[in-house]
Amino acid sequence: MKKQQYQLEFLLKGSSFSALWDMISTPEGLEKWFADRVEAIEDNAICFEWDTQQQVANIKNIKLNEYARFHWIDSPEKHYFEFRIAKNELTNELTLIITDFAYPNDMEDEKQLWDSNVSTLCRVLGV
């Protein structure tokens, strides 16, 4: 069974663009909502820790103020997770778009985990 790509969109009403960008693109920001501990370990590698689990991701691409794409080092090269910010030009509201990959049987659990993480992100951002 192959992993499938999926996208989730979260409207973040009242969020500051610069604060959201910091939360998705820096180890300090990611540590506030995504993992218990986040540390840059090389030029383009970041170590994420949850309780006793540790995973390393390479920064695949960052386009300033638009998106940050990461690749878990133990995953196939074509699999990644990405945080993208979209701004509605009419309302100025921000949407966080998350792209990830999961096995079909794990899809609902993965989505619930992202929902929980983004709820934490909203609390940290005060939205």
N, C-alpha and C. Protein backbone atom coordinates (compact mmCIF):
# COMPACT_ATOMS: atom_id res chain seq x y z
N MET A 1 0.84 -1.18 0.00
CA MET A 1 0.00 0.00 0.00
C MET A 1 0.89 1.25 0.00
N LYS A 2 0.52 2.22 -0.82
CA LYS A 2 1.31 3.43 -0.95
C LYS A 2 0.68 4.57 -0.16
N LYS A 3 1.56 5.47 0.30
CA LYS A 3 1.06 6.68 0.94
C LYS A 3 0.42 7.58 -0.10
N GLN A 4 -0.60 8.31 0.35
CA GLN A 4 -1.29 9.22 -0.53
C GLN A 4 -1.12 10.64 -0.02
N GLN A 5 -1.01 11.56 -0.95
CA GLN A 5 -0.91 12.97 -0.59
C GLN A 5 -2.29 13.50 -0.21
N TYR A 6 -2.32 14.37 0.78
CA TYR A 6 -3.56 15.05 1.15
C TYR A 6 -3.24 16.47 1.59
N GLN A 7 -4.25 17.32 1.53
CA GLN A 7 -4.10 18.72 1.97
C GLN A 7 -5.20 19.07 2.95
N LEU A 8 -4.84 19.86 3.92
CA LEU A 8 -5.79 20.39 4.89
C LEU A 8 -5.68 21.91 4.90
N GLU A 9 -6.80 22.59 5.04
CA GLU A 9 -6.80 24.04 5.08
C GLU A 9 -7.43 24.50 6.38
N PHE A 10 -6.76 25.45 7.03
CA PHE A 10 -7.22 26.00 8.30
C PHE A 10 -7.27 27.51 8.19
N LEU A 11 -8.46 28.07 8.32
CA LEU A 11 -8.63 29.52 8.31
C LEU A 11 -8.20 30.05 9.66
N LEU A 12 -7.28 31.00 9.67
CA LEU A 12 -6.76 31.57 10.92
C LEU A 12 -7.15 33.04 10.99
N LYS A 13 -8.39 33.28 11.33
CA LYS A 13 -8.92 34.65 11.40
C LYS A 13 -8.18 35.46 12.45
N GLY A 14 -7.75 36.62 12.06
CA GLY A 14 -7.11 37.53 13.00
C GLY A 14 -5.64 37.24 13.26
N SER A 15 -5.07 36.31 12.54
CA SER A 15 -3.66 35.98 12.75
C SER A 15 -2.76 37.01 12.06
N SER A 16 -1.65 37.29 12.70
CA SER A 16 -0.62 38.14 12.12
C SER A 16 0.19 37.32 11.13
N PHE A 17 0.41 37.86 9.94
CA PHE A 17 1.18 37.15 8.92
C PHE A 17 2.58 36.82 9.42
N SER A 18 3.27 37.80 9.99
CA SER A 18 4.65 37.57 10.42
C SER A 18 4.73 36.56 11.56
N ALA A 19 3.75 36.59 12.47
CA ALA A 19 3.76 35.62 13.56
C ALA A 19 3.51 34.21 13.03
N LEU A 20 2.57 34.07 12.10
CA LEU A 20 2.30 32.76 11.52
C LEU A 20 3.52 32.26 10.75
N TRP A 21 4.16 33.13 9.99
CA TRP A 21 5.35 32.73 9.24
C TRP A 21 6.43 32.21 10.18
N ASP A 22 6.66 32.91 11.29
CA ASP A 22 7.65 32.45 12.27
C ASP A 22 7.29 31.08 12.84
N MET A 23 6.01 30.83 13.05
CA MET A 23 5.55 29.57 13.63
C MET A 23 5.77 28.37 12.71
N ILE A 24 5.77 28.59 11.41
CA ILE A 24 5.90 27.47 10.47
C ILE A 24 7.30 27.34 9.87
N SER A 25 8.15 28.32 10.08
CA SER A 25 9.43 28.32 9.36
C SER A 25 10.67 28.36 10.25
N THR A 26 10.50 28.46 11.57
CA THR A 26 11.66 28.51 12.45
C THR A 26 11.58 27.41 13.51
N PRO A 27 12.72 26.89 13.95
CA PRO A 27 12.68 25.89 15.02
C PRO A 27 11.97 26.40 16.27
N GLU A 28 12.19 27.67 16.61
CA GLU A 28 11.55 28.23 17.81
C GLU A 28 10.04 28.26 17.66
N GLY A 29 9.57 28.62 16.49
CA GLY A 29 8.13 28.65 16.25
C GLY A 29 7.52 27.26 16.22
N LEU A 30 8.16 26.33 15.53
CA LEU A 30 7.65 24.96 15.45
C LEU A 30 7.60 24.29 16.81
N GLU A 31 8.53 24.65 17.68
CA GLU A 31 8.56 24.07 19.02
C GLU A 31 7.35 24.51 19.86
N LYS A 32 6.74 25.61 19.51
CA LYS A 32 5.60 26.11 20.28
C LYS A 32 4.30 25.37 19.98
N TRP A 33 4.24 24.64 18.86
CA TRP A 33 2.97 24.00 18.52
C TRP A 33 3.09 22.64 17.84
N PHE A 34 4.21 22.36 17.22
CA PHE A 34 4.32 21.16 16.39
C PHE A 34 5.02 20.00 17.10
N ALA A 35 6.02 20.28 17.89
CA ALA A 35 6.78 19.24 18.58
C ALA A 35 7.19 19.74 19.96
N ASP A 36 7.55 18.80 20.85
CA ASP A 36 7.97 19.18 22.20
C ASP A 36 9.30 19.92 22.18
N ARG A 37 10.16 19.51 21.25
CA ARG A 37 11.47 20.15 21.13
C ARG A 37 11.87 20.16 19.67
N VAL A 38 12.39 21.28 19.19
CA VAL A 38 12.81 21.40 17.79
C VAL A 38 14.17 22.09 17.80
N GLU A 39 15.11 21.47 17.09
CA GLU A 39 16.47 22.01 17.08
C GLU A 39 17.09 21.88 15.69
N ALA A 40 17.66 22.97 15.21
CA ALA A 40 18.41 22.92 13.96
C ALA A 40 19.72 22.18 14.25
N ILE A 41 20.02 21.15 13.46
CA ILE A 41 21.22 20.37 13.74
C ILE A 41 22.27 20.49 12.65
N GLU A 42 21.89 20.92 11.48
CA GLU A 42 22.81 21.17 10.38
C GLU A 42 22.25 22.33 9.58
N ASP A 43 22.92 22.64 8.48
CA ASP A 43 22.46 23.76 7.66
C ASP A 43 21.01 23.63 7.23
N ASN A 44 20.60 22.44 6.82
CA ASN A 44 19.23 22.29 6.36
C ASN A 44 18.51 21.12 7.02
N ALA A 45 18.91 20.76 8.23
CA ALA A 45 18.26 19.65 8.94
C ALA A 45 17.76 20.12 10.30
N ILE A 46 16.60 19.57 10.67
CA ILE A 46 15.97 19.92 11.94
C ILE A 46 15.59 18.63 12.65
N CYS A 47 15.87 18.58 13.94
CA CYS A 47 15.49 17.44 14.77
C CYS A 47 14.22 17.80 15.54
N PHE A 48 13.20 16.95 15.41
CA PHE A 48 11.93 17.12 16.11
C PHE A 48 11.83 16.03 17.17
N GLU A 49 11.40 16.41 18.38
CA GLU A 49 11.23 15.44 19.46
C GLU A 49 9.83 15.52 20.03
N TRP A 50 9.24 14.34 20.26
CA TRP A 50 7.96 14.19 20.95
C TRP A 50 8.18 13.12 22.01
N ASP A 51 8.03 13.47 23.29
CA ASP A 51 8.29 12.53 24.38
C ASP A 51 9.62 11.83 24.14
N THR A 52 9.57 10.54 23.82
CA THR A 52 10.81 9.79 23.61
C THR A 52 11.11 9.56 22.14
N GLN A 53 10.24 10.01 21.24
CA GLN A 53 10.44 9.82 19.81
C GLN A 53 11.19 11.00 19.23
N GLN A 54 12.09 10.69 18.31
CA GLN A 54 12.89 11.72 17.65
C GLN A 54 12.87 11.45 16.15
N GLN A 55 12.68 12.52 15.36
CA GLN A 55 12.74 12.40 13.91
C GLN A 55 13.49 13.59 13.35
N VAL A 56 14.23 13.34 12.28
CA VAL A 56 14.98 14.39 11.62
C VAL A 56 14.38 14.65 10.25
N ALA A 57 14.23 15.92 9.94
CA ALA A 57 13.73 16.33 8.63
C ALA A 57 14.72 17.28 7.98
N ASN A 58 14.85 17.15 6.69
CA ASN A 58 15.62 18.12 5.92
C ASN A 58 14.68 19.21 5.45
N ILE A 59 15.18 20.43 5.42
CA ILE A 59 14.42 21.53 4.86
C ILE A 59 14.60 21.41 3.35
N LYS A 60 13.52 21.08 2.64
CA LYS A 60 13.60 20.89 1.20
C LYS A 60 13.57 22.22 0.45
N ASN A 61 12.70 23.11 0.92
CA ASN A 61 12.56 24.38 0.24
C ASN A 61 11.81 25.34 1.14
N ILE A 62 12.26 26.56 1.16
CA ILE A 62 11.54 27.63 1.85
C ILE A 62 11.45 28.80 0.89
N LYS A 63 10.25 29.24 0.63
CA LYS A 63 10.05 30.46 -0.13
C LYS A 63 9.54 31.49 0.86
N LEU A 64 10.34 32.48 1.12
CA LEU A 64 10.08 33.47 2.15
C LEU A 64 8.65 33.99 2.08
N ASN A 65 7.99 33.94 3.23
CA ASN A 65 6.62 34.44 3.40
C ASN A 65 5.58 33.71 2.55
N GLU A 66 5.92 32.49 2.10
CA GLU A 66 4.94 31.74 1.32
C GLU A 66 4.79 30.30 1.81
N TYR A 67 5.90 29.53 1.82
CA TYR A 67 5.79 28.15 2.29
C TYR A 67 7.12 27.63 2.80
N ALA A 68 7.02 26.57 3.61
CA ALA A 68 8.19 25.83 4.10
C ALA A 68 7.90 24.35 3.88
N ARG A 69 8.81 23.67 3.18
CA ARG A 69 8.63 22.25 2.87
C ARG A 69 9.75 21.45 3.52
N PHE A 70 9.36 20.36 4.18
CA PHE A 70 10.28 19.50 4.90
C PHE A 70 10.16 18.06 4.41
N HIS A 71 11.24 17.30 4.57
CA HIS A 71 11.26 15.89 4.18
C HIS A 71 11.85 15.07 5.31
N TRP A 72 11.07 14.12 5.83
CA TRP A 72 11.60 13.22 6.86
C TRP A 72 12.69 12.37 6.23
N ILE A 73 13.84 12.27 6.87
CA ILE A 73 14.97 11.58 6.25
C ILE A 73 14.73 10.08 6.05
N ASP A 74 13.79 9.50 6.79
CA ASP A 74 13.51 8.07 6.64
C ASP A 74 12.31 7.80 5.72
N SER A 75 11.88 8.80 4.96
CA SER A 75 10.76 8.64 4.03
C SER A 75 11.25 8.69 2.59
N PRO A 76 10.47 8.13 1.67
CA PRO A 76 10.84 8.26 0.25
C PRO A 76 10.96 9.73 -0.14
N GLU A 77 11.84 10.00 -1.06
CA GLU A 77 12.15 11.38 -1.45
C GLU A 77 10.93 12.16 -1.92
N LYS A 78 9.96 11.49 -2.54
CA LYS A 78 8.80 12.20 -3.06
C LYS A 78 7.78 12.57 -1.98
N HIS A 79 7.96 12.07 -0.76
CA HIS A 79 7.05 12.39 0.34
C HIS A 79 7.62 13.55 1.15
N TYR A 80 6.77 14.47 1.52
CA TYR A 80 7.18 15.65 2.26
C TYR A 80 6.00 16.15 3.08
N PHE A 81 6.25 17.12 3.93
CA PHE A 81 5.15 17.86 4.54
C PHE A 81 5.46 19.33 4.36
N GLU A 82 4.41 20.09 4.14
CA GLU A 82 4.58 21.48 3.78
C GLU A 82 3.56 22.35 4.50
N PHE A 83 4.02 23.51 4.93
CA PHE A 83 3.16 24.54 5.50
C PHE A 83 3.16 25.71 4.53
N ARG A 84 1.98 26.09 4.07
CA ARG A 84 1.85 27.19 3.10
C ARG A 84 0.83 28.20 3.64
N ILE A 85 1.15 29.46 3.46
CA ILE A 85 0.24 30.52 3.87
C ILE A 85 -0.41 31.11 2.63
N ALA A 86 -1.74 31.18 2.66
CA ALA A 86 -2.49 31.83 1.59
C ALA A 86 -3.25 33.00 2.22
N LYS A 87 -3.22 34.13 1.53
CA LYS A 87 -3.90 35.32 2.03
C LYS A 87 -5.03 35.69 1.07
N ASN A 88 -6.23 35.83 1.62
CA ASN A 88 -7.36 36.28 0.83
C ASN A 88 -7.21 37.78 0.63
N GLU A 89 -7.06 38.20 -0.59
CA GLU A 89 -6.80 39.61 -0.89
C GLU A 89 -8.00 40.51 -0.55
N LEU A 90 -9.21 39.96 -0.57
CA LEU A 90 -10.40 40.76 -0.26
C LEU A 90 -10.59 40.97 1.24
N THR A 91 -10.36 39.91 2.01
CA THR A 91 -10.64 39.97 3.45
C THR A 91 -9.36 40.09 4.29
N ASN A 92 -8.21 39.86 3.68
CA ASN A 92 -6.92 39.81 4.38
C ASN A 92 -6.82 38.67 5.39
N GLU A 93 -7.73 37.70 5.34
CA GLU A 93 -7.66 36.55 6.24
C GLU A 93 -6.62 35.56 5.73
N LEU A 94 -5.98 34.89 6.68
CA LEU A 94 -4.93 33.94 6.35
C LEU A 94 -5.44 32.51 6.47
N THR A 95 -4.98 31.68 5.55
CA THR A 95 -5.27 30.25 5.60
C THR A 95 -3.94 29.51 5.63
N LEU A 96 -3.83 28.57 6.56
CA LEU A 96 -2.68 27.69 6.61
C LEU A 96 -3.05 26.42 5.85
N ILE A 97 -2.27 26.12 4.82
CA ILE A 97 -2.50 24.92 4.02
C ILE A 97 -1.39 23.93 4.34
N ILE A 98 -1.78 22.76 4.81
CA ILE A 98 -0.80 21.72 5.17
C ILE A 98 -0.92 20.60 4.15
N THR A 99 0.20 20.24 3.57
CA THR A 99 0.27 19.10 2.65
C THR A 99 1.10 18.03 3.33
N ASP A 100 0.61 16.80 3.30
CA ASP A 100 1.32 15.69 3.93
C ASP A 100 0.98 14.41 3.17
N PHE A 101 1.59 13.31 3.58
CA PHE A 101 1.35 12.00 2.99
C PHE A 101 1.02 11.01 4.09
N ALA A 102 0.08 10.10 3.82
CA ALA A 102 -0.30 9.08 4.80
C ALA A 102 -0.83 7.85 4.07
N TYR A 103 -0.74 6.72 4.74
CA TYR A 103 -1.37 5.51 4.23
C TYR A 103 -2.89 5.67 4.34
N PRO A 104 -3.65 5.14 3.39
CA PRO A 104 -5.10 5.30 3.44
C PRO A 104 -5.72 4.89 4.77
N ASN A 105 -5.22 3.83 5.38
CA ASN A 105 -5.77 3.36 6.66
C ASN A 105 -5.47 4.32 7.81
N ASP A 106 -4.44 5.16 7.66
CA ASP A 106 -4.03 6.08 8.72
C ASP A 106 -4.52 7.51 8.48
N MET A 107 -5.17 7.74 7.37
CA MET A 107 -5.52 9.10 6.96
C MET A 107 -6.33 9.86 8.02
N GLU A 108 -7.36 9.25 8.56
CA GLU A 108 -8.20 9.95 9.54
C GLU A 108 -7.41 10.28 10.81
N ASP A 109 -6.58 9.35 11.28
CA ASP A 109 -5.76 9.62 12.47
C ASP A 109 -4.78 10.76 12.21
N GLU A 110 -4.19 10.76 11.03
CA GLU A 110 -3.25 11.83 10.66
C GLU A 110 -3.95 13.19 10.63
N LYS A 111 -5.14 13.22 10.06
CA LYS A 111 -5.90 14.47 10.00
C LYS A 111 -6.27 14.96 11.39
N GLN A 112 -6.65 14.04 12.27
CA GLN A 112 -6.97 14.43 13.65
C GLN A 112 -5.74 14.98 14.37
N LEU A 113 -4.58 14.40 14.10
CA LEU A 113 -3.35 14.90 14.70
C LEU A 113 -3.06 16.31 14.22
N TRP A 114 -3.23 16.57 12.93
CA TRP A 114 -3.04 17.93 12.41
C TRP A 114 -4.06 18.89 13.02
N ASP A 115 -5.31 18.46 13.16
CA ASP A 115 -6.33 19.30 13.79
C ASP A 115 -5.89 19.71 15.20
N SER A 116 -5.38 18.75 15.94
CA SER A 116 -4.92 19.01 17.31
C SER A 116 -3.73 19.97 17.31
N ASN A 117 -2.78 19.73 16.42
CA ASN A 117 -1.61 20.61 16.35
C ASN A 117 -2.00 22.03 15.98
N VAL A 118 -2.89 22.17 15.01
CA VAL A 118 -3.30 23.51 14.58
C VAL A 118 -4.13 24.19 15.66
N SER A 119 -4.87 23.43 16.45
CA SER A 119 -5.57 24.04 17.61
C SER A 119 -4.56 24.63 18.58
N THR A 120 -3.48 23.93 18.80
CA THR A 120 -2.41 24.47 19.65
C THR A 120 -1.81 25.70 19.02
N LEU A 121 -1.57 25.67 17.72
CA LEU A 121 -1.03 26.83 17.01
C LEU A 121 -1.95 28.04 17.19
N CYS A 122 -3.25 27.83 17.06
CA CYS A 122 -4.22 28.94 17.22
C CYS A 122 -4.16 29.53 18.62
N ARG A 123 -4.03 28.67 19.63
CA ARG A 123 -3.90 29.16 21.01
C ARG A 123 -2.65 30.00 21.17
N VAL A 124 -1.54 29.52 20.61
CA VAL A 124 -0.26 30.24 20.71
C VAL A 124 -0.36 31.59 20.00
N LEU A 125 -1.04 31.62 18.87
CA LEU A 125 -1.19 32.86 18.10
C LEU A 125 -2.26 33.78 18.67
N GLY A 126 -3.08 33.26 19.57
CA GLY A 126 -4.15 34.06 20.15
C GLY A 126 -5.32 34.27 19.21
N VAL A 127 -5.58 33.30 18.34
CA VAL A 127 -6.71 33.41 17.41
C VAL A 127 -7.73 32.32 17.66
